[in-house]
PDB file of all heavy atoms in Angstrom:
ATOM      1  N   PRO A   1      31.486  78.917  41.322  1.00  0.00           N
ATOM      2  CA  PRO A   1      30.225  79.195  40.649  1.00  0.00           C
ATOM      3  C   PRO A   1      29.042  78.475  41.307  1.00  0.00           C
ATOM      4  O   PRO A   1      29.143  77.307  41.660  1.00  0.00           O
ATOM      5  CB  PRO A   1      30.445  78.672  39.233  1.00  0.00           C
ATOM      6  CG  PRO A   1      31.912  78.684  39.048  1.00  0.00           C
ATOM      7  CD  PRO A   1      32.493  78.367  40.410  1.00  0.00           C
ATOM      8  N   VAL A   2      27.951  79.213  41.448  1.00  0.00           N
ATOM      9  CA  VAL A   2      26.712  78.633  41.991  1.00  0.00           C
ATOM     10  C   VAL A   2      25.867  78.033  40.881  1.00  0.00           C
ATOM     11  O   VAL A   2      24.956  77.250  41.136  1.00  0.00           O
ATOM     12  CB  VAL A   2      25.891  79.662  42.783  1.00  0.00           C
ATOM     13  CG1 VAL A   2      26.668  80.142  44.002  1.00  0.00           C
ATOM     14  CG2 VAL A   2      25.489  80.835  41.901  1.00  0.00           C
ATOM     15  N   ALA A   3      26.178  78.412  39.642  1.00  0.00           N
ATOM     16  CA  ALA A   3      25.415  77.915  38.487  1.00  0.00           C
ATOM     17  C   ALA A   3      26.286  78.023  37.238  1.00  0.00           C
ATOM     18  O   ALA A   3      27.274  78.756  37.208  1.00  0.00           O
ATOM     19  CB  ALA A   3      24.134  78.729  38.300  1.00  0.00           C
ATOM     20  N   THR A   4      25.870  77.261  36.229  1.00  0.00           N
ATOM     21  CA  THR A   4      26.514  77.315  34.918  1.00  0.00           C
ATOM     22  C   THR A   4      25.445  77.571  33.885  1.00  0.00           C
ATOM     23  O   THR A   4      24.370  76.951  33.920  1.00  0.00           O
ATOM     24  CB  THR A   4      27.228  75.985  34.607  1.00  0.00           C
ATOM     25  OG1 THR A   4      28.248  75.773  35.593  1.00  0.00           O
ATOM     26  CG2 THR A   4      27.872  75.997  33.231  1.00  0.00           C
ATOM     27  N   LEU A   5      25.740  78.467  32.968  1.00  0.00           N
ATOM     28  CA  LEU A   5      24.866  78.759  31.839  1.00  0.00           C
ATOM     29  C   LEU A   5      25.591  78.361  30.574  1.00  0.00           C
ATOM     30  O   LEU A   5      26.705  78.823  30.321  1.00  0.00           O
ATOM     31  CB  LEU A   5      24.502  80.244  31.801  1.00  0.00           C
ATOM     32  CG  LEU A   5      23.563  80.673  30.682  1.00  0.00           C
ATOM     33  CD1 LEU A   5      22.202  80.002  30.852  1.00  0.00           C
ATOM     34  CD2 LEU A   5      23.420  82.183  30.657  1.00  0.00           C
ATOM     35  N   ALA A   6      24.997  77.454  29.805  1.00  0.00           N
ATOM     36  CA  ALA A   6      25.628  76.952  28.587  1.00  0.00           C
ATOM     37  C   ALA A   6      24.817  77.332  27.366  1.00  0.00           C
ATOM     38  O   ALA A   6      23.586  77.291  27.385  1.00  0.00           O
ATOM     39  CB  ALA A   6      25.773  75.436  28.662  1.00  0.00           C
ATOM     40  N   ALA A   7      25.530  77.721  26.309  1.00  0.00           N
ATOM     41  CA  ALA A   7      24.913  78.099  25.026  1.00  0.00           C
ATOM     42  C   ALA A   7      26.045  78.321  24.018  1.00  0.00           C
ATOM     43  O   ALA A   7      27.222  78.404  24.418  1.00  0.00           O
ATOM     44  CB  ALA A   7      24.085  79.362  25.167  1.00  0.00           C
ATOM     45  N   PRO A   8      25.719  78.453  22.727  1.00  0.00           N
ATOM     46  CA  PRO A   8      26.756  78.813  21.774  1.00  0.00           C
ATOM     47  C   PRO A   8      27.367  80.180  22.133  1.00  0.00           C
ATOM     48  O   PRO A   8      26.695  81.051  22.708  1.00  0.00           O
ATOM     49  CB  PRO A   8      25.994  78.892  20.443  1.00  0.00           C
ATOM     50  CG  PRO A   8      24.814  78.004  20.632  1.00  0.00           C
ATOM     51  CD  PRO A   8      24.441  78.164  22.076  1.00  0.00           C
ATOM     52  N   ALA A   9      28.632  80.366  21.810  1.00  0.00           N
ATOM     53  CA  ALA A   9      29.347  81.598  22.159  1.00  0.00           C
ATOM     54  C   ALA A   9      28.623  82.840  21.662  1.00  0.00           C
ATOM     55  O   ALA A   9      28.538  83.840  22.380  1.00  0.00           O
ATOM     56  CB  ALA A   9      30.783  81.552  21.600  1.00  0.00           C
ATOM     57  N   GLU A  10      28.118  82.809  20.454  1.00  0.00           N
ATOM     58  CA  GLU A  10      27.410  83.964  19.901  1.00  0.00           C
ATOM     59  C   GLU A  10      26.214  84.349  20.780  1.00  0.00           C
ATOM     60  O   GLU A  10      25.995  85.520  21.070  1.00  0.00           O
ATOM     61  CB  GLU A  10      26.935  83.676  18.479  1.00  0.00           C
ATOM     62  CG  GLU A  10      26.155  84.824  17.882  1.00  0.00           C
ATOM     63  CD  GLU A  10      25.640  84.518  16.471  1.00  0.00           C
ATOM     64  OE1 GLU A  10      25.672  83.355  16.039  1.00  0.00           O
ATOM     65  OE2 GLU A  10      25.183  85.475  15.821  1.00  0.00           O
ATOM     66  N   SER A  11      25.458  83.370  21.210  1.00  0.00           N
ATOM     67  CA  SER A  11      24.298  83.641  22.063  1.00  0.00           C
ATOM     68  C   SER A  11      24.700  84.211  23.408  1.00  0.00           C
ATOM     69  O   SER A  11      24.050  85.124  23.930  1.00  0.00           O
ATOM     70  CB  SER A  11      23.481  82.356  22.253  1.00  0.00           C
ATOM     71  OG  SER A  11      22.986  81.904  21.021  1.00  0.00           O
ATOM     72  N   LEU A  12      25.780  83.694  23.993  1.00  0.00           N
ATOM     73  CA  LEU A  12      26.247  84.226  25.267  1.00  0.00           C
ATOM     74  C   LEU A  12      26.679  85.684  25.121  1.00  0.00           C
ATOM     75  O   LEU A  12      26.347  86.516  25.965  1.00  0.00           O
ATOM     76  CB  LEU A  12      27.428  83.384  25.799  1.00  0.00           C
ATOM     77  CG  LEU A  12      27.069  81.959  26.237  1.00  0.00           C
ATOM     78  CD1 LEU A  12      28.335  81.175  26.524  1.00  0.00           C
ATOM     79  CD2 LEU A  12      26.135  81.964  27.435  1.00  0.00           C
ATOM     80  N   LEU A  13      27.401  86.002  24.054  1.00  0.00           N
ATOM     81  CA  LEU A  13      27.804  87.395  23.830  1.00  0.00           C
ATOM     82  C   LEU A  13      26.606  88.294  23.624  1.00  0.00           C
ATOM     83  O   LEU A  13      26.544  89.403  24.177  1.00  0.00           O
ATOM     84  CB  LEU A  13      28.754  87.483  22.638  1.00  0.00           C
ATOM     85  CG  LEU A  13      30.218  87.189  22.926  1.00  0.00           C
ATOM     86  CD1 LEU A  13      31.009  87.120  21.630  1.00  0.00           C
ATOM     87  CD2 LEU A  13      30.796  88.230  23.848  1.00  0.00           C
ATOM     88  N   LEU A  14      25.662  87.861  22.820  1.00  0.00           N
ATOM     89  CA  LEU A  14      24.460  88.672  22.592  1.00  0.00           C
ATOM     90  C   LEU A  14      23.707  88.900  23.895  1.00  0.00           C
ATOM     91  O   LEU A  14      23.207  90.001  24.138  1.00  0.00           O
ATOM     92  CB  LEU A  14      23.552  88.005  21.550  1.00  0.00           C
ATOM     93  CG  LEU A  14      24.068  88.033  20.115  1.00  0.00           C
ATOM     94  CD1 LEU A  14      23.196  87.171  19.221  1.00  0.00           C
ATOM     95  CD2 LEU A  14      24.128  89.471  19.591  1.00  0.00           C
ATOM     96  N   LEU A  15      23.659  87.897  24.751  1.00  0.00           N
ATOM     97  CA  LEU A  15      23.008  88.035  26.044  1.00  0.00           C
ATOM     98  C   LEU A  15      23.723  89.101  26.890  1.00  0.00           C
ATOM     99  O   LEU A  15      23.080  89.986  27.447  1.00  0.00           O
ATOM    100  CB  LEU A  15      23.016  86.691  26.781  1.00  0.00           C
ATOM    101  CG  LEU A  15      22.516  86.727  28.218  1.00  0.00           C
ATOM    102  CD1 LEU A  15      21.019  86.961  28.273  1.00  0.00           C
ATOM    103  CD2 LEU A  15      22.877  85.429  28.929  1.00  0.00           C
ATOM    104  N   LEU A  16      25.041  89.023  26.982  1.00  0.00           N
ATOM    105  CA  LEU A  16      25.800  89.944  27.805  1.00  0.00           C
ATOM    106  C   LEU A  16      25.708  91.393  27.299  1.00  0.00           C
ATOM    107  O   LEU A  16      25.772  92.325  28.073  1.00  0.00           O
ATOM    108  CB  LEU A  16      27.257  89.515  27.913  1.00  0.00           C
ATOM    109  CG  LEU A  16      27.503  88.201  28.659  1.00  0.00           C
ATOM    110  CD1 LEU A  16      28.981  87.852  28.618  1.00  0.00           C
ATOM    111  CD2 LEU A  16      26.990  88.272  30.095  1.00  0.00           C
ATOM    112  N   TRP A  17      25.535  91.557  25.995  1.00  0.00           N
ATOM    113  CA  TRP A  17      25.401  92.878  25.409  1.00  0.00           C
ATOM    114  C   TRP A  17      23.949  93.344  25.397  1.00  0.00           C
ATOM    115  O   TRP A  17      23.643  94.394  24.858  1.00  0.00           O
ATOM    116  CB  TRP A  17      25.996  92.902  24.003  1.00  0.00           C
ATOM    117  CG  TRP A  17      27.483  93.037  24.031  1.00  0.00           C
ATOM    118  CD1 TRP A  17      28.423  92.038  24.083  1.00  0.00           C
ATOM    119  CD2 TRP A  17      28.223  94.265  24.046  1.00  0.00           C
ATOM    120  NE1 TRP A  17      29.676  92.563  24.132  1.00  0.00           N
ATOM    121  CE2 TRP A  17      29.587  93.918  24.098  1.00  0.00           C
ATOM    122  CE3 TRP A  17      27.865  95.606  23.995  1.00  0.00           C
ATOM    123  CZ2 TRP A  17      30.589  94.891  24.129  1.00  0.00           C
ATOM    124  CZ3 TRP A  17      28.864  96.557  24.021  1.00  0.00           C
ATOM    125  CH2 TRP A  17      30.214  96.201  24.087  1.00  0.00           C
ATOM    126  N   GLY A  18      23.040  92.567  25.989  1.00  0.00           N
ATOM    127  CA  GLY A  18      21.654  92.981  26.070  1.00  0.00           C
ATOM    128  C   GLY A  18      20.902  92.880  24.769  1.00  0.00           C
ATOM    129  O   GLY A  18      19.868  93.538  24.575  1.00  0.00           O
ATOM    130  N   ARG A  19      21.365  92.020  23.867  1.00  0.00           N
ATOM    131  CA  ARG A  19      20.748  91.896  22.548  1.00  0.00           C
ATOM    132  C   ARG A  19      20.036  90.567  22.326  1.00  0.00           C
ATOM    133  O   ARG A  19      19.589  90.294  21.237  1.00  0.00           O
ATOM    134  CB  ARG A  19      21.802  92.138  21.469  1.00  0.00           C
ATOM    135  CG  ARG A  19      22.213  93.609  21.448  1.00  0.00           C
ATOM    136  CD  ARG A  19      23.352  93.864  20.505  1.00  0.00           C
ATOM    137  NE  ARG A  19      23.627  95.265  20.304  1.00  0.00           N
ATOM    138  CZ  ARG A  19      24.175  96.092  21.163  1.00  0.00           C
ATOM    139  NH1 ARG A  19      24.476  95.676  22.369  1.00  0.00           N
ATOM    140  NH2 ARG A  19      24.424  97.352  20.867  1.00  0.00           N
ATOM    141  N   MET A  20      19.939  89.783  23.397  1.00  0.00           N
ATOM    142  CA  MET A  20      19.209  88.509  23.332  1.00  0.00           C
ATOM    143  C   MET A  20      18.619  88.252  24.709  1.00  0.00           C
ATOM    144  O   MET A  20      19.321  88.396  25.704  1.00  0.00           O
ATOM    145  CB  MET A  20      20.134  87.372  22.912  1.00  0.00           C
ATOM    146  CG  MET A  20      19.452  86.024  22.838  1.00  0.00           C
ATOM    147  SD  MET A  20      20.597  84.766  22.236  1.00  0.00           S
ATOM    148  CE  MET A  20      19.631  84.112  20.898  1.00  0.00           C
ATOM    149  N   PRO A  21      17.355  87.877  24.757  1.00  0.00           N
ATOM    150  CA  PRO A  21      16.752  87.599  26.074  1.00  0.00           C
ATOM    151  C   PRO A  21      17.249  86.277  26.640  1.00  0.00           C
ATOM    152  O   PRO A  21      17.548  85.330  25.909  1.00  0.00           O
ATOM    153  CB  PRO A  21      15.245  87.546  25.773  1.00  0.00           C
ATOM    154  CG  PRO A  21      15.176  87.137  24.333  1.00  0.00           C
ATOM    155  CD  PRO A  21      16.381  87.759  23.672  1.00  0.00           C
ATOM    156  N   LEU A  22      17.312  86.226  27.955  1.00  0.00           N
ATOM    157  CA  LEU A  22      17.765  85.016  28.635  1.00  0.00           C
ATOM    158  C   LEU A  22      16.807  83.851  28.392  1.00  0.00           C
ATOM    159  O   LEU A  22      17.203  82.699  28.443  1.00  0.00           O
ATOM    160  CB  LEU A  22      17.907  85.289  30.133  1.00  0.00           C
ATOM    161  CG  LEU A  22      18.520  84.214  30.998  1.00  0.00           C
ATOM    162  CD1 LEU A  22      19.881  83.762  30.437  1.00  0.00           C
ATOM    163  CD2 LEU A  22      18.700  84.712  32.408  1.00  0.00           C
ATOM    164  N   ASP A  23      15.573  84.169  28.110  1.00  0.00           N
ATOM    165  CA  ASP A  23      14.583  83.118  27.834  1.00  0.00           C
ATOM    166  C   ASP A  23      14.508  82.820  26.345  1.00  0.00           C
ATOM    167  O   ASP A  23      13.460  82.413  25.855  1.00  0.00           O
ATOM    168  CB  ASP A  23      13.235  83.562  28.394  1.00  0.00           C
ATOM    169  CG  ASP A  23      13.267  83.708  29.900  1.00  0.00           C
ATOM    170  OD1 ASP A  23      13.956  82.903  30.557  1.00  0.00           O
ATOM    171  OD2 ASP A  23      12.627  84.637  30.414  1.00  0.00           O
ATOM    172  N   GLY A  24      15.609  83.018  25.625  1.00  0.00           N
ATOM    173  CA  GLY A  24      15.644  82.821  24.188  1.00  0.00           C
ATOM    174  C   GLY A  24      15.617  81.385  23.714  1.00  0.00           C
ATOM    175  O   GLY A  24      15.616  81.125  22.532  1.00  0.00           O
ATOM    176  N   GLY A  25      15.606  80.422  24.632  1.00  0.00           N
ATOM    177  CA  GLY A  25      15.479  79.018  24.247  1.00  0.00           C
ATOM    178  C   GLY A  25      16.770  78.286  23.970  1.00  0.00           C
ATOM    179  O   GLY A  25      16.777  77.074  23.866  1.00  0.00           O
ATOM    180  N   VAL A  26      17.890  78.984  23.836  1.00  0.00           N
ATOM    181  CA  VAL A  26      19.141  78.308  23.544  1.00  0.00           C
ATOM    182  C   VAL A  26      19.992  78.079  24.778  1.00  0.00           C
ATOM    183  O   VAL A  26      21.013  77.418  24.724  1.00  0.00           O
ATOM    184  CB  VAL A  26      19.993  79.076  22.493  1.00  0.00           C
ATOM    185  CG1 VAL A  26      19.254  79.190  21.181  1.00  0.00           C
ATOM    186  CG2 VAL A  26      20.395  80.429  23.015  1.00  0.00           C
ATOM    187  N   PHE A  27      19.572  78.645  25.910  1.00  0.00           N
ATOM    188  CA  PHE A  27      20.360  78.604  27.144  1.00  0.00           C
ATOM    189  C   PHE A  27      19.962  77.406  28.006  1.00  0.00           C
ATOM    190  O   PHE A  27      18.794  77.105  28.166  1.00  0.00           O
ATOM    191  CB  PHE A  27      20.173  79.902  27.933  1.00  0.00           C
ATOM    192  CG  PHE A  27      20.613  81.110  27.150  1.00  0.00           C
ATOM    193  CD1 PHE A  27      19.676  81.956  26.574  1.00  0.00           C
ATOM    194  CD2 PHE A  27      21.948  81.396  26.972  1.00  0.00           C
ATOM    195  CE1 PHE A  27      20.060  83.063  25.856  1.00  0.00           C
ATOM    196  CE2 PHE A  27      22.354  82.487  26.245  1.00  0.00           C
ATOM    197  CZ  PHE A  27      21.409  83.345  25.682  1.00  0.00           C
ATOM    198  N   VAL A  28      20.988  76.739  28.553  1.00  0.00           N
ATOM    199  CA  VAL A  28      20.778  75.577  29.425  1.00  0.00           C
ATOM    200  C   VAL A  28      21.445  75.867  30.764  1.00  0.00           C
ATOM    201  O   VAL A  28      22.645  76.187  30.811  1.00  0.00           O
ATOM    202  CB  VAL A  28      21.366  74.291  28.800  1.00  0.00           C
ATOM    203  CG1 VAL A  28      21.218  73.133  29.739  1.00  0.00           C
ATOM    204  CG2 VAL A  28      20.724  74.009  27.440  1.00  0.00           C
ATOM    205  N   TRP A  29      20.680  75.734  31.824  1.00  0.00           N
ATOM    206  CA  TRP A  29      21.173  75.992  33.179  1.00  0.00           C
ATOM    207  C   TRP A  29      21.573  74.698  33.880  1.00  0.00           C
ATOM    208  O   TRP A  29      20.925  73.669  33.695  1.00  0.00           O
ATOM    209  CB  TRP A  29      20.091  76.651  34.028  1.00  0.00           C
ATOM    210  CG  TRP A  29      19.854  78.082  33.705  1.00  0.00           C
ATOM    211  CD1 TRP A  29      18.857  78.586  32.916  1.00  0.00           C
ATOM    212  CD2 TRP A  29      20.613  79.196  34.160  1.00  0.00           C
ATOM    213  NE1 TRP A  29      18.954  79.950  32.852  1.00  0.00           N
ATOM    214  CE2 TRP A  29      20.024  80.356  33.612  1.00  0.00           C
ATOM    215  CE3 TRP A  29      21.730  79.332  34.963  1.00  0.00           C
ATOM    216  CZ2 TRP A  29      20.517  81.629  33.859  1.00  0.00           C
ATOM    217  CZ3 TRP A  29      22.231  80.617  35.204  1.00  0.00           C
ATOM    218  CH2 TRP A  29      21.633  81.732  34.658  1.00  0.00           C
ATOM    219  N   ASP A  30      22.597  74.793  34.718  1.00  0.00           N
ATOM    220  CA  ASP A  30      22.956  73.737  35.651  1.00  0.00           C
ATOM    221  C   ASP A  30      23.265  74.430  36.974  1.00  0.00           C
ATOM    222  O   ASP A  30      23.979  75.415  37.007  1.00  0.00           O
ATOM    223  CB  ASP A  30      24.180  72.973  35.145  1.00  0.00           C
ATOM    224  CG  ASP A  30      24.532  71.810  36.055  1.00  0.00           C
ATOM    225  OD1 ASP A  30      23.623  71.156  36.595  1.00  0.00           O
ATOM    226  OD2 ASP A  30      25.738  71.554  36.239  1.00  0.00           O
ATOM    227  N   GLY A  31      22.708  73.936  38.043  1.00  0.00           N
ATOM    228  CA  GLY A  31      22.932  74.557  39.354  1.00  0.00           C
ATOM    229  C   GLY A  31      21.805  75.492  39.719  1.00  0.00           C
ATOM    230  O   GLY A  31      20.659  75.310  39.296  1.00  0.00           O
ATOM    231  N   ALA A  32      22.131  76.509  40.504  1.00  0.00           N
ATOM    232  CA  ALA A  32      21.140  77.431  41.050  1.00  0.00           C
ATOM    233  C   ALA A  32      20.748  78.495  40.024  1.00  0.00           C
ATOM    234  O   ALA A  32      21.306  79.584  39.975  1.00  0.00           O
ATOM    235  CB  ALA A  32      21.702  78.083  42.313  1.00  0.00           C
ATOM    236  N   GLU A  33      19.766  78.150  39.211  1.00  0.00           N
ATOM    237  CA  GLU A  33      19.346  79.045  38.122  1.00  0.00           C
ATOM    238  C   GLU A  33      18.897  80.406  38.636  1.00  0.00           C
ATOM    239  O   GLU A  33      19.257  81.439  38.077  1.00  0.00           O
ATOM    240  CB  GLU A  33      18.217  78.415  37.311  1.00  0.00           C
ATOM    241  CG  GLU A  33      17.719  79.308  36.186  1.00  0.00           C
ATOM    242  CD  GLU A  33      16.619  78.690  35.354  1.00  0.00           C
ATOM    243  OE1 GLU A  33      16.394  77.465  35.432  1.00  0.00           O
ATOM    244  OE2 GLU A  33      15.982  79.456  34.612  1.00  0.00           O
ATOM    245  N   LYS A  34      18.148  80.428  39.704  1.00  0.00           N
ATOM    246  CA  LYS A  34      17.641  81.689  40.255  1.00  0.00           C
ATOM    247  C   LYS A  34      18.807  82.614  40.639  1.00  0.00           C
ATOM    248  O   LYS A  34      18.807  83.796  40.336  1.00  0.00           O
ATOM    249  CB  LYS A  34      16.735  81.438  41.448  1.00  0.00           C
ATOM    250  CG  LYS A  34      16.020  82.648  41.956  1.00  0.00           C
ATOM    251  CD  LYS A  34      15.025  82.259  43.050  1.00  0.00           C
ATOM    252  CE  LYS A  34      14.292  83.479  43.580  1.00  0.00           C
ATOM    253  NZ  LYS A  34      13.347  83.138  44.628  1.00  0.00           N
ATOM    254  N   ALA A  35      19.809  82.063  41.299  1.00  0.00           N
ATOM    255  CA  ALA A  35      20.988  82.842  41.684  1.00  0.00           C
ATOM    256  C   ALA A  35      21.757  83.293  40.431  1.00  0.00           C
ATOM    257  O   ALA A  35      22.237  84.422  40.367  1.00  0.00           O
ATOM    258  CB  ALA A  35      21.898  82.033  42.597  1.00  0.00           C
TER     259      ALA A  35
END
């Protein structure tokens, strides 16, 4: 992995299903965020 995205499981699922924006405030990046 070039980066890690951390958040509660519900938020990650909503993100993957296109039901929550990535800039929703609950997501924490480590590593190459742009990638």
